Amino acid sequence: MAVDNLKQLTDADFDATIASDTPCLVDFWAPWCGPCKAIGPVVEELSTEYAGKATIAKMNVDDNPATPGKFGIRAIPTLILFKNGEVVDQVTGAVGKSQLVAMLDKAI
């Protein structure tokens, strides 16, 4: 299933994407990470459900090491919610959809 609303971030476009006043939830992941694969479909669902209200994005930490390093990410999946370029919330691990929905709804 192709998800048009799900943005794939790189080190190059990361800062411009999170600078918006629209909340941006970034899933830091890697293809070899089991829990990342488990939470992937939830992140895809959110990208559809929050289209127009929030940006939902994924960043492959293997392909883009600079940004995760900047935020001190040591475990994946880590999901960080940004607004106006600032971290407003963060969770690590394959958390439930309800926790991510609560994070997003608080920021919108």
Protein backbone atom coordinates (compact mmCIF):
# COMPACT_ATOMS: atom_id res chain seq x y z
CA MET A 1 0.00 0.00 0.00
CA ALA A 2 1.55 3.29 -1.07
CA VAL A 3 1.00 6.07 1.40
CA ASP A 4 1.13 9.46 -0.32
CA ASN A 5 0.91 11.48 2.91
CA LEU A 6 3.89 9.75 4.54
CA LYS A 7 7.01 11.85 4.01
CA GLN A 8 10.45 10.20 3.78
CA LEU A 9 12.94 12.57 5.39
CA THR A 10 16.65 12.94 4.78
CA ASP A 11 19.32 14.87 6.68
CA ALA A 12 19.08 17.47 3.87
CA ASP A 13 15.35 18.27 4.17
CA PHE A 14 14.80 17.54 7.87
CA ASP A 15 15.17 21.08 9.29
CA ALA A 16 12.90 22.64 6.66
CA THR A 17 10.21 20.03 7.32
CA ILE A 18 10.09 20.41 11.11
CA ALA A 19 10.29 24.23 11.03
CA SER A 20 6.56 24.47 10.24
CA ASP A 21 3.90 25.44 12.77
CA THR A 22 2.11 22.29 11.63
CA PRO A 23 3.02 19.46 14.04
CA CYS A 24 5.42 16.94 12.53
CA LEU A 25 5.75 13.41 13.93
CA VAL A 26 9.01 11.78 12.83
CA ASP A 27 9.53 8.03 13.11
CA PHE A 28 13.26 7.30 13.33
CA TRP A 29 13.64 3.70 12.11
CA ALA A 30 15.81 1.17 10.27
CA PRO A 31 14.88 -1.70 7.93
CA TRP A 32 16.50 -4.34 10.19
CA CYS A 33 14.60 -3.23 13.32
CA GLY A 34 11.77 -5.60 14.33
CA PRO A 35 9.84 -3.13 16.53
CA CYS A 36 10.18 -0.54 13.74
CA LYS A 37 8.43 -2.93 11.35
CA ALA A 38 5.72 -3.50 13.96
CA ILE A 39 4.94 0.21 14.38
CA GLY A 40 5.28 1.02 10.65
CA PRO A 41 1.64 0.30 9.71
CA VAL A 42 0.43 2.47 12.61
CA VAL A 43 2.58 5.37 11.40
CA GLU A 44 1.17 4.87 7.87
CA GLU A 45 -2.41 4.95 9.21
CA LEU A 46 -1.70 8.17 11.08
CA SER A 47 -0.32 9.77 7.91
CA THR A 48 -3.72 9.25 6.29
CA GLU A 49 -5.83 10.13 9.34
CA TYR A 50 -3.91 13.35 10.05
CA ALA A 51 -3.52 14.53 6.44
CA GLY A 52 -3.83 18.32 6.44
CA LYS A 53 -3.54 18.52 10.24
CA ALA A 54 -0.04 17.18 10.87
CA THR A 55 2.96 15.96 8.92
CA ILE A 56 3.84 12.31 9.51
CA ALA A 57 7.35 11.37 8.42
CA LYS A 58 9.90 8.56 8.61
CA MET A 59 13.67 8.82 8.69
CA ASN A 60 15.92 5.85 8.01
CA VAL A 61 18.69 6.23 10.62
CA ASP A 62 21.13 4.08 8.60
CA ASP A 63 20.85 6.32 5.53
CA ASN A 64 20.71 9.60 7.49
CA PRO A 65 22.97 9.41 10.57
CA ALA A 66 23.46 13.14 11.21
CA THR A 67 19.94 14.04 12.35
CA PRO A 68 19.42 11.13 14.79
CA GLY A 69 22.85 11.96 16.25
CA LYS A 70 21.81 15.57 16.75
CA PHE A 71 18.81 14.46 18.81
CA GLY A 72 20.72 11.83 20.79
CA ILE A 73 18.69 8.92 19.46
CA ARG A 74 20.19 5.70 20.82
CA ALA A 75 17.25 3.30 20.40
CA ILE A 76 14.76 2.81 17.60
CA PRO A 77 11.98 3.19 16.90
CA THR A 78 12.00 6.65 18.43
CA LEU A 79 9.15 8.96 17.47
CA ILE A 80 9.62 12.67 18.07
CA LEU A 81 6.88 15.25 17.67
CA PHE A 82 8.08 18.68 16.51
CA LYS A 83 6.27 22.00 16.24
CA ASN A 84 7.98 25.18 15.02
CA GLY A 85 11.25 23.25 14.96
CA GLU A 86 11.06 22.39 18.66
CA VAL A 87 10.64 18.97 20.28
CA VAL A 88 7.23 18.87 21.98
CA ASP A 89 7.02 15.15 22.77
CA GLN A 90 9.01 11.95 22.30
CA VAL A 91 8.50 8.20 22.77
CA THR A 92 10.82 5.26 22.24
CA GLY A 93 9.70 1.75 21.35
CA ALA A 94 6.75 0.26 19.53
CA VAL A 95 4.05 2.15 21.42
CA GLY A 96 0.33 1.80 20.78
CA LYS A 97 -1.57 3.92 18.31
CA SER A 98 -3.59 5.56 21.10
CA GLN A 99 -0.41 7.01 22.62
CA LEU A 100 0.63 8.52 19.28
CA VAL A 101 -2.88 9.90 18.68
CA ALA A 102 -2.81 11.55 22.12
CA MET A 103 0.59 13.12 21.33
CA LEU A 104 -0.65 14.49 18.00
CA ASP A 105 -4.00 15.73 19.32
CA LYS A 106 -2.25 17.65 22.11
CA ALA A 107 -0.05 19.47 19.58
CA ILE A 108 -2.73 20.36 17.02
